[in-house]
Protein backbone atom coordinates (compact mmCIF):
# COMPACT_ATOMS: atom_id res chain seq x y z
CA MET A 1 -38.77 80.93 31.77
CA GLU A 2 -38.37 83.28 28.84
CA PRO A 3 -35.39 85.15 30.39
CA PHE A 4 -33.54 81.83 30.75
CA ILE A 5 -34.26 80.91 27.14
CA THR A 6 -33.17 84.35 25.95
CA THR A 7 -29.96 84.04 27.98
CA PHE A 8 -29.22 80.65 26.40
CA GLY A 9 -29.67 82.20 22.96
CA ALA A 10 -27.34 85.08 23.84
CA ILE A 11 -24.62 82.69 25.02
CA ASP A 12 -25.01 80.45 21.96
CA LYS A 13 -23.39 82.92 19.54
CA ARG A 14 -22.51 80.13 17.09
CA GLY A 15 -26.20 79.25 16.79
CA VAL A 16 -25.72 75.50 17.25
CA ASN A 17 -28.11 74.98 20.19
CA VAL A 18 -25.17 73.92 22.33
CA ILE A 19 -23.18 76.13 24.67
CA THR A 20 -19.79 75.26 26.08
CA ILE A 21 -18.64 76.06 29.59
CA ASN A 22 -16.08 78.44 28.05
CA GLU A 23 -18.86 80.28 26.23
CA LEU A 24 -20.75 80.50 29.52
CA ARG A 25 -17.62 81.90 31.25
CA ASN A 26 -17.18 84.49 28.49
CA TYR A 27 -20.84 85.52 28.73
CA VAL A 28 -20.59 85.92 32.51
CA ALA A 29 -17.42 88.03 32.16
CA GLU A 30 -18.72 90.18 29.28
CA ASN A 31 -21.95 90.94 31.11
CA HIS A 32 -20.37 91.40 34.55
CA LEU A 33 -22.53 88.66 36.08
CA ASP A 34 -21.96 86.72 39.30
CA LYS A 35 -19.27 84.08 38.66
CA GLU A 36 -21.32 81.63 40.73
CA MET A 37 -23.61 81.33 37.71
CA ILE A 38 -21.00 79.07 36.07
CA PRO A 39 -20.88 76.24 38.67
CA LYS A 40 -24.64 76.53 39.23
CA TRP A 41 -25.36 76.06 35.52
CA GLN A 42 -22.83 73.24 35.33
CA ALA A 43 -24.50 71.43 38.22
CA LEU A 44 -27.98 71.94 36.78
CA PHE A 45 -27.47 71.50 33.06
CA ASP A 46 -24.23 69.51 32.75
CA PRO A 47 -24.07 67.16 35.75
CA GLU A 48 -22.10 64.61 33.69
CA GLY A 49 -19.31 67.17 33.22
CA THR A 50 -19.24 67.03 29.41
CA GLY A 51 -18.40 70.73 29.14
CA LYS A 52 -21.47 71.31 26.96
CA ILE A 53 -25.09 72.26 27.60
CA THR A 54 -27.61 71.42 24.88
CA PHE A 55 -30.75 73.46 24.37
CA ARG A 56 -32.83 70.29 24.70
CA ARG A 57 -31.25 69.39 28.08
CA PHE A 58 -31.54 73.02 29.19
CA CYS A 59 -35.29 72.98 28.49
CA GLU A 60 -35.78 69.55 30.07
CA VAL A 61 -34.23 70.74 33.33
CA LEU A 62 -36.39 73.87 33.26
CA GLY A 63 -39.44 71.71 32.60
CA VAL A 64 -40.37 73.40 29.33
CA GLN A 65 -40.84 72.04 25.84
CA PRO A 66 -37.96 73.04 23.56
CA GLU A 67 -40.24 73.21 20.53
CA ARG A 68 -42.38 75.90 22.17
CA HIS A 69 -39.44 78.04 23.15
CA GLN A 70 -37.30 77.69 20.05
CA ALA A 71 -38.84 80.76 18.46
CA ILE A 72 -37.52 82.88 21.33
CA ILE A 73 -33.95 82.29 20.27
CA ASN A 74 -35.09 82.20 16.63
CA ARG A 75 -33.19 79.12 15.58
CA PRO A 76 -34.08 75.65 14.37
CA LEU A 77 -34.30 73.15 17.22
CA TYR A 78 -31.74 70.63 16.03
CA GLY A 79 -28.17 71.24 15.00
CA ILE A 80 -27.06 74.24 13.07
CA PRO A 81 -29.04 76.92 11.33
CA THR A 82 -30.36 75.24 8.22
CA THR A 83 -29.46 78.01 5.78
CA GLY A 84 -27.99 76.25 2.80
CA LEU A 85 -28.75 72.71 3.94
CA ARG A 86 -31.46 70.67 2.26
CA PRO A 87 -34.57 70.06 4.36
CA GLU A 88 -33.85 66.31 4.02
CA ILE A 89 -30.64 66.76 6.04
CA PHE A 90 -31.10 66.34 9.79
CA VAL A 91 -27.95 67.43 11.63
CA ILE A 92 -27.15 65.20 14.61
CA MET A 93 -23.81 66.74 15.56
CA GLN A 94 -21.37 68.98 13.79
CA GLU A 95 -17.96 70.42 14.28
CA LEU A 96 -17.36 71.56 10.74
CA PRO A 97 -17.69 74.89 8.91
CA LEU A 98 -21.13 75.42 7.38
CA GLN A 99 -19.81 75.59 3.80
CA ASP A 100 -18.21 72.17 4.24
CA GLN A 101 -21.38 70.77 5.82
CA ILE A 102 -23.30 71.89 2.77
CA LYS A 103 -20.80 70.36 0.32
CA ILE A 104 -20.53 67.07 2.20
CA SER A 105 -24.26 66.67 2.80
CA GLU A 106 -24.96 67.49 -0.86
CA GLU A 107 -22.53 64.80 -2.00
CA ALA A 108 -24.03 62.31 0.47
CA TYR A 109 -27.54 63.18 -0.70
CA ARG A 110 -26.50 62.71 -4.34
CA LEU A 111 -25.15 59.25 -3.47
CA THR A 112 -28.44 58.24 -1.83
CA GLN A 113 -30.46 58.93 -4.97
CA PRO A 114 -32.48 57.21 -6.19
CA GLN A 115 -33.37 55.77 -2.81
CA ASP A 116 -34.41 52.37 -4.15
CA LYS A 117 -30.89 51.88 -5.60
CA PHE A 118 -28.98 53.18 -2.56
CA ILE A 119 -26.36 50.69 -1.33
CA GLU A 120 -24.69 51.71 1.94
CA LYS A 121 -21.34 50.01 1.24
CA GLU A 122 -20.93 51.66 -2.17
CA ALA A 123 -22.05 55.07 -0.90
CA SER A 124 -19.61 54.88 2.02
CA GLU A 125 -16.70 54.01 -0.28
CA LYS A 126 -17.59 56.70 -2.82
CA LEU A 127 -18.11 59.37 -0.16
CA LYS A 128 -14.77 58.55 1.48
CA ARG A 129 -12.98 58.77 -1.88
CA TRP A 130 -14.68 62.10 -2.57
CA LEU A 131 -13.73 63.45 0.88
CA ASP A 132 -10.11 62.31 0.51
CA THR A 133 -9.89 63.94 -2.92
CA THR A 134 -11.71 67.14 -1.93
CA TYR A 135 -10.33 67.77 1.58
CA GLY A 136 -7.23 65.58 1.84
CA ARG A 137 -6.72 62.05 3.14
CA HIS A 138 -7.74 60.24 6.33
CA TRP A 139 -11.52 60.63 6.31
CA HIS A 140 -13.72 57.98 7.88
CA VAL A 141 -17.29 57.37 6.73
CA THR A 142 -19.82 55.16 8.47
CA ILE A 143 -23.41 54.82 7.29
CA VAL A 144 -25.84 53.14 9.68
CA ARG A 145 -29.53 52.50 9.80
CA GLY A 146 -31.10 53.08 13.20
CA SER A 147 -29.42 54.18 16.40
CA TYR A 148 -25.71 54.04 17.16
CA TRP A 149 -23.09 54.87 19.76
CA THR A 150 -19.63 56.00 18.78
CA THR A 151 -16.49 57.25 20.45
CA TYR A 152 -13.57 58.55 18.44
CA THR A 153 -10.88 61.20 18.19
CA HIS A 154 -10.84 63.55 15.22
CA ILE A 155 -9.01 66.57 13.89
CA PRO A 156 -10.65 69.78 15.19
CA ASN A 157 -13.44 71.07 12.94
CA CYS A 158 -13.56 67.82 10.97
CA SER A 159 -16.56 65.91 12.31
CA PHE A 160 -20.12 65.81 10.98
CA HIS A 161 -23.02 63.49 11.84
CA PHE A 162 -26.29 63.84 9.96
CA LYS A 163 -29.23 61.83 8.82
CA ILE A 164 -30.84 61.40 5.41
CA ASN A 165 -34.10 59.48 5.69
CA GLN A 166 -33.39 56.46 7.92
CA HIS A 167 -29.60 56.49 7.37
CA SER A 168 -27.15 58.23 9.69
CA PHE A 169 -23.84 59.40 8.27
CA ILE A 170 -20.90 59.56 10.68
CA ILE A 171 -18.04 61.42 9.04
CA TYR A 172 -14.77 62.54 10.61
CA ARG A 173 -11.12 63.02 9.80
CA THR A 174 -8.08 61.76 11.70
CA ASN A 175 -4.34 62.40 11.43
CA ALA A 176 -3.67 58.93 10.05
């Protein structure tokens, strides 16, 4: 299985443990591989047609434990490389430059301290104000405890979901 894992790591140049079908196409073209690899991988690893293949799903289909094989691609298992992010920050999903992830997660972390005085409503309002002031208007901030489902449209490169302790932060920006 190691060659498959190594291939995934080579395709995932952004280091986010997710590869897109376009990244797969580019990899196939750059390495002069059989173009049939693309529909085969889509059928195996992205049967829902999302256009993305996660490392976790990739390993599940191969029948291997992602934790054991993560060292092969030399990246943390979840989300983005953690350089610059606090260990308390668990990235759920990101489409945001790393520097902005660091700034936003630091502000969110600051608002959660001390934990015994953390009030979700106040933190959400303060974080939204900070985002609007720092990055421009039209940011949306949701803080939830436990699991959630969400569907939304956002400006490209302006979406970030992460967890601090038991609270998930869903942050994104829209046009209006």
